[in-house]
N, C-alpha and C. Protein backbone atom coordinates (compact mmCIF):
# COMPACT_ATOMS: atom_id res chain seq x y z
N MET A 1 10.31 29.49 -6.95
CA MET A 1 10.08 28.50 -5.87
C MET A 1 10.61 28.81 -4.38
N LEU A 2 9.50 29.27 -3.65
CA LEU A 2 9.72 29.47 -1.85
C LEU A 2 10.71 29.07 -1.24
N ARG A 3 11.40 28.61 -0.56
CA ARG A 3 11.22 28.11 0.48
C ARG A 3 10.63 28.22 1.63
N ARG A 4 10.63 26.88 2.94
CA ARG A 4 10.02 27.19 4.58
C ARG A 4 11.22 26.30 5.16
N LYS A 5 9.96 26.66 6.29
CA LYS A 5 11.18 25.74 7.65
C LYS A 5 10.69 24.72 7.50
N PRO A 6 11.31 23.59 7.60
CA PRO A 6 10.75 22.43 8.41
C PRO A 6 10.12 22.71 8.89
N THR A 7 8.89 21.88 9.02
CA THR A 7 8.13 21.72 10.30
C THR A 7 8.33 20.63 10.76
N ARG A 8 8.30 21.24 12.06
CA ARG A 8 8.26 20.53 13.51
C ARG A 8 6.84 19.73 13.65
N LEU A 9 7.49 17.88 14.37
CA LEU A 9 6.50 16.79 13.82
C LEU A 9 6.62 16.76 15.51
N GLU A 10 5.76 16.56 15.75
CA GLU A 10 5.79 15.82 17.65
C GLU A 10 5.30 15.16 18.44
N LEU A 11 5.79 14.05 18.85
CA LEU A 11 4.98 12.79 18.55
C LEU A 11 4.84 12.41 20.54
N LYS A 12 2.71 12.36 20.09
CA LYS A 12 2.66 12.83 21.18
C LYS A 12 2.59 11.33 22.36
N LEU A 13 2.27 11.05 23.28
CA LEU A 13 2.32 9.94 24.28
C LEU A 13 0.94 8.67 23.46
N ASP A 14 0.11 9.31 23.37
CA ASP A 14 -1.48 8.76 23.21
C ASP A 14 -1.16 8.19 21.04
N ASP A 15 0.00 8.63 20.50
CA ASP A 15 0.61 8.22 19.52
C ASP A 15 1.70 7.25 19.94
N ILE A 16 2.28 7.07 20.51
CA ILE A 16 2.87 6.00 20.99
C ILE A 16 1.98 4.77 21.48
N GLU A 17 1.13 5.01 21.66
CA GLU A 17 0.53 4.06 21.98
C GLU A 17 -1.12 3.50 21.77
N GLU A 18 -1.16 4.04 20.69
CA GLU A 18 -1.74 3.83 19.29
C GLU A 18 -1.78 2.73 18.38
N PHE A 19 0.38 3.21 18.15
CA PHE A 19 1.31 2.31 17.17
C PHE A 19 1.18 0.98 18.38
N GLU A 20 1.61 1.21 19.16
CA GLU A 20 2.01 0.07 19.41
C GLU A 20 0.72 -0.67 19.96
N SER A 21 -0.53 -0.52 19.90
CA SER A 21 -2.11 -1.31 20.47
C SER A 21 -2.27 -2.07 18.32
N ILE A 22 -1.72 -0.89 17.60
CA ILE A 22 -1.31 -1.67 16.14
C ILE A 22 -1.33 -3.12 15.95
N ARG A 23 1.01 -2.52 16.33
CA ARG A 23 1.71 -3.37 16.20
C ARG A 23 1.51 -5.45 16.99
N LYS A 24 0.57 -4.87 17.68
CA LYS A 24 0.16 -6.01 18.72
C LYS A 24 -0.92 -6.43 18.16
N ASP A 25 -1.86 -5.71 17.55
CA ASP A 25 -2.92 -6.93 16.46
C ASP A 25 -2.74 -7.40 15.03
N LEU A 26 -1.65 -6.30 14.74
CA LEU A 26 -0.89 -6.95 13.07
C LEU A 26 -0.15 -8.13 13.47
N GLU A 27 0.59 -8.35 14.77
CA GLU A 27 1.69 -9.83 15.59
C GLU A 27 0.61 -11.05 16.37
N SER A 28 -0.61 -10.47 15.72
CA SER A 28 -1.66 -11.28 16.88
C SER A 28 -2.22 -12.11 15.92
N ARG A 29 -2.18 -11.62 13.88
CA ARG A 29 -3.14 -11.69 12.86
C ARG A 29 -1.66 -12.81 12.33
N LYS A 30 -0.90 -11.98 13.21
CA LYS A 30 0.53 -12.94 11.61
C LYS A 30 0.80 -14.28 12.50
N LYS A 31 0.80 -14.57 13.83
CA LYS A 31 0.55 -15.84 14.52
C LYS A 31 -0.58 -16.46 13.81
N GLN A 32 -1.92 -16.02 14.14
CA GLN A 32 -3.25 -16.77 14.08
C GLN A 32 -3.16 -16.68 12.75
N ARG A 33 -2.24 -16.81 11.16
CA ARG A 33 -1.84 -17.63 9.59
C ARG A 33 -1.32 -18.52 9.60
N GLU A 34 0.07 -18.44 10.83
CA GLU A 34 0.71 -19.03 10.72
C GLU A 34 0.79 -20.09 11.27
N ASP A 35 0.51 -19.65 12.12
CA ASP A 35 -0.68 -21.76 12.95
C ASP A 35 -1.86 -22.25 11.63
N VAL A 36 -2.66 -21.38 11.28
CA VAL A 36 -3.20 -21.80 10.25
C VAL A 36 -2.55 -22.55 9.00
N ASP A 37 -1.57 -21.79 8.56
CA ASP A 37 -0.89 -22.72 8.03
C ASP A 37 -0.15 -23.72 8.34
N VAL A 38 0.43 -24.21 9.28
CA VAL A 38 1.17 -24.91 10.00
C VAL A 38 -0.10 -26.20 10.18
N VAL A 39 -0.93 -26.55 10.34
CA VAL A 39 -2.02 -27.56 10.23
C VAL A 39 -2.49 -27.51 8.84
N GLY A 40 -2.81 -26.54 8.24
CA GLY A 40 -2.96 -26.55 6.89
C GLY A 40 -1.88 -27.96 5.90
N ALA A 41 -0.17 -27.58 5.94
CA ALA A 41 0.36 -28.00 5.15
C ALA A 41 0.17 -29.76 6.14
N SER A 42 -0.03 -29.87 7.66
CA SER A 42 -0.04 -31.62 7.79
C SER A 42 -1.73 -31.57 6.83
N ASP A 43 -2.28 -31.38 6.53
CA ASP A 43 -3.40 -31.91 5.21
C ASP A 43 -3.08 -32.85 4.58
N GLY A 44 -1.90 -32.06 3.94
CA GLY A 44 -1.64 -32.77 2.82
C GLY A 44 -1.86 -32.00 1.56
N GLU A 45 -2.17 -32.73 0.40
CA GLU A 45 -2.11 -32.25 -1.32
C GLU A 45 -3.34 -30.79 -1.17
N GLY A 46 -4.79 -32.18 -0.63
CA GLY A 46 -5.96 -30.66 -0.61
C GLY A 46 -5.32 -29.90 0.19
N ALA A 47 -4.68 -29.52 1.17
CA ALA A 47 -4.00 -27.86 1.95
C ALA A 47 -3.89 -27.42 0.39
N ILE A 48 -3.12 -27.65 -0.52
CA ILE A 48 -1.97 -26.98 -0.97
C ILE A 48 -3.56 -26.19 -2.37
N VAL A 49 -4.36 -27.20 -3.01
CA VAL A 49 -5.41 -26.24 -3.64
C VAL A 49 -6.38 -25.46 -2.42
N ASN A 50 -6.50 -26.30 -1.69
CA ASN A 50 -7.38 -25.18 -0.70
C ASN A 50 -6.72 -23.67 -0.42
N ASP A 51 -5.54 -23.33 -0.26
CA ASP A 51 -4.84 -22.50 -0.16
C ASP A 51 -4.73 -21.94 -1.21
N HIS A 52 -4.45 -22.40 -2.40
CA HIS A 52 -3.80 -21.46 -3.71
C HIS A 52 -5.93 -20.55 -4.10
N LYS A 53 -6.89 -21.50 -3.59
CA LYS A 53 -8.21 -20.91 -3.66
C LYS A 53 -8.29 -19.44 -2.76
N SER A 54 -8.00 -19.80 -1.39
CA SER A 54 -8.22 -18.94 -0.87
C SER A 54 -7.29 -17.47 -0.91
N ARG A 55 -6.19 -17.82 -1.26
CA ARG A 55 -5.29 -17.16 -2.34
C ARG A 55 -5.50 -15.96 -3.02
N GLU A 56 -6.29 -17.29 -3.33
CA GLU A 56 -6.48 -16.44 -4.80
C GLU A 56 -8.66 -15.66 -4.64
N GLN A 57 -9.10 -16.07 -3.74
CA GLN A 57 -9.79 -14.93 -2.69
C GLN A 57 -9.38 -14.55 -2.33
N MET A 58 -8.45 -14.17 -1.15
CA MET A 58 -8.11 -12.91 -0.34
C MET A 58 -7.55 -12.22 -1.32
N ILE A 59 -7.21 -12.02 -2.92
CA ILE A 59 -6.75 -11.51 -3.58
C ILE A 59 -7.87 -10.64 -3.75
N ASN A 60 -8.53 -10.78 -4.09
CA ASN A 60 -9.73 -10.95 -5.36
C ASN A 60 -11.18 -9.24 -4.16
N ASP A 61 -10.94 -10.44 -2.96
CA ASP A 61 -11.06 -9.26 -2.65
C ASP A 61 -11.10 -8.30 -1.45
N ARG A 62 -9.27 -7.68 -1.94
CA ARG A 62 -8.24 -6.84 -1.81
C ARG A 62 -9.22 -6.52 -2.47
N ILE A 63 -8.76 -6.54 -3.70
CA ILE A 63 -8.68 -6.13 -4.67
C ILE A 63 -10.02 -5.13 -4.87
N GLY A 64 -11.18 -6.26 -4.64
CA GLY A 64 -12.41 -6.13 -4.86
C GLY A 64 -13.21 -6.52 -6.61
N TYR A 65 -12.09 -7.50 -6.80
CA TYR A 65 -13.00 -8.70 -8.63
C TYR A 65 -13.66 -9.64 -7.94
N LYS A 66 -14.35 -9.21 -8.53
CA LYS A 66 -16.22 -10.34 -8.01
C LYS A 66 -16.10 -11.75 -9.84
N PRO A 67 -15.37 -12.05 -9.66
CA PRO A 67 -15.64 -12.35 -10.69
C PRO A 67 -17.21 -13.67 -11.37
N GLN A 68 -17.96 -12.93 -12.52
CA GLN A 68 -19.39 -13.60 -12.69
C GLN A 68 -18.54 -15.11 -13.63
N PRO A 69 -19.20 -16.06 -14.03
CA PRO A 69 -18.48 -17.54 -14.54
C PRO A 69 -19.66 -16.78 -15.77
N LYS A 70 -19.10 -17.66 -17.04
CA LYS A 70 -18.58 -16.91 -18.61
C LYS A 70 -20.06 -18.27 -18.94
N PRO A 71 -21.17 -18.20 -18.97
CA PRO A 71 -21.88 -19.40 -20.45
C PRO A 71 -21.53 -19.77 -21.66
N ASN A 72 -21.70 -20.70 -21.60
CA ASN A 72 -21.11 -21.78 -22.64
C ASN A 72 -21.59 -22.15 -23.61
N ASN A 73 -23.14 -21.39 -23.64
CA ASN A 73 -24.07 -21.34 -25.37
C ASN A 73 -23.47 -20.11 -26.26
N ARG A 74 -24.19 -20.34 -27.38
CA ARG A 74 -23.88 -20.00 -28.28
C ARG A 74 -24.56 -18.80 -28.76
N SER A 75 -25.52 -17.99 -27.95
CA SER A 75 -26.27 -17.71 -27.84
C SER A 75 -25.82 -16.04 -27.27
N SER A 76 -24.78 -16.37 -26.03
CA SER A 76 -24.52 -15.51 -24.90
C SER A 76 -22.85 -15.16 -25.54
N GLN A 77 -22.48 -16.27 -26.94
CA GLN A 77 -21.19 -15.34 -27.56
C GLN A 77 -21.44 -14.55 -28.66
N PHE A 78 -22.94 -14.53 -29.73
CA PHE A 78 -22.72 -14.11 -30.38
C PHE A 78 -24.69 -12.86 -30.82
N GLY A 79 -24.85 -13.23 -29.88
CA GLY A 79 -25.90 -12.33 -28.72
C GLY A 79 -27.44 -13.32 -29.34
N SER A 80 -28.28 -12.05 -30.76
CA SER A 80 -29.07 -12.62 -30.73
C SER A 80 -29.29 -13.44 -32.33
N PHE A 81 -27.94 -13.59 -32.92
CA PHE A 81 -27.99 -13.39 -34.67
C PHE A 81 -28.65 -14.55 -34.67
N GLU A 82 -28.84 -15.37 -35.74
CA GLU A 82 -29.23 -16.26 -36.18
C GLU A 82 -28.66 -16.64 -38.02
N PHE A 83 -28.32 -17.34 -37.51
CA PHE A 83 -27.54 -18.00 -38.36
C PHE A 83 -27.74 -19.08 -40.18
């Protein structure tokens, strides 16, 4: 295995400014979520159920999962077979 000298990374002013803008954006989003959580917590039981569904929906959106409703008739379970 060949060894090479460590690569020098230079941090530019543009990189620092971009990092700061992204960090501020993430902090503002976090504050908005906290505000929504505080308002949702004051609603009572209904907020917990909606929060669970919205959390589940957020996860499904993030991973790209789109659940399809399952039909409950016999032909969908066994195809077109006749008994």
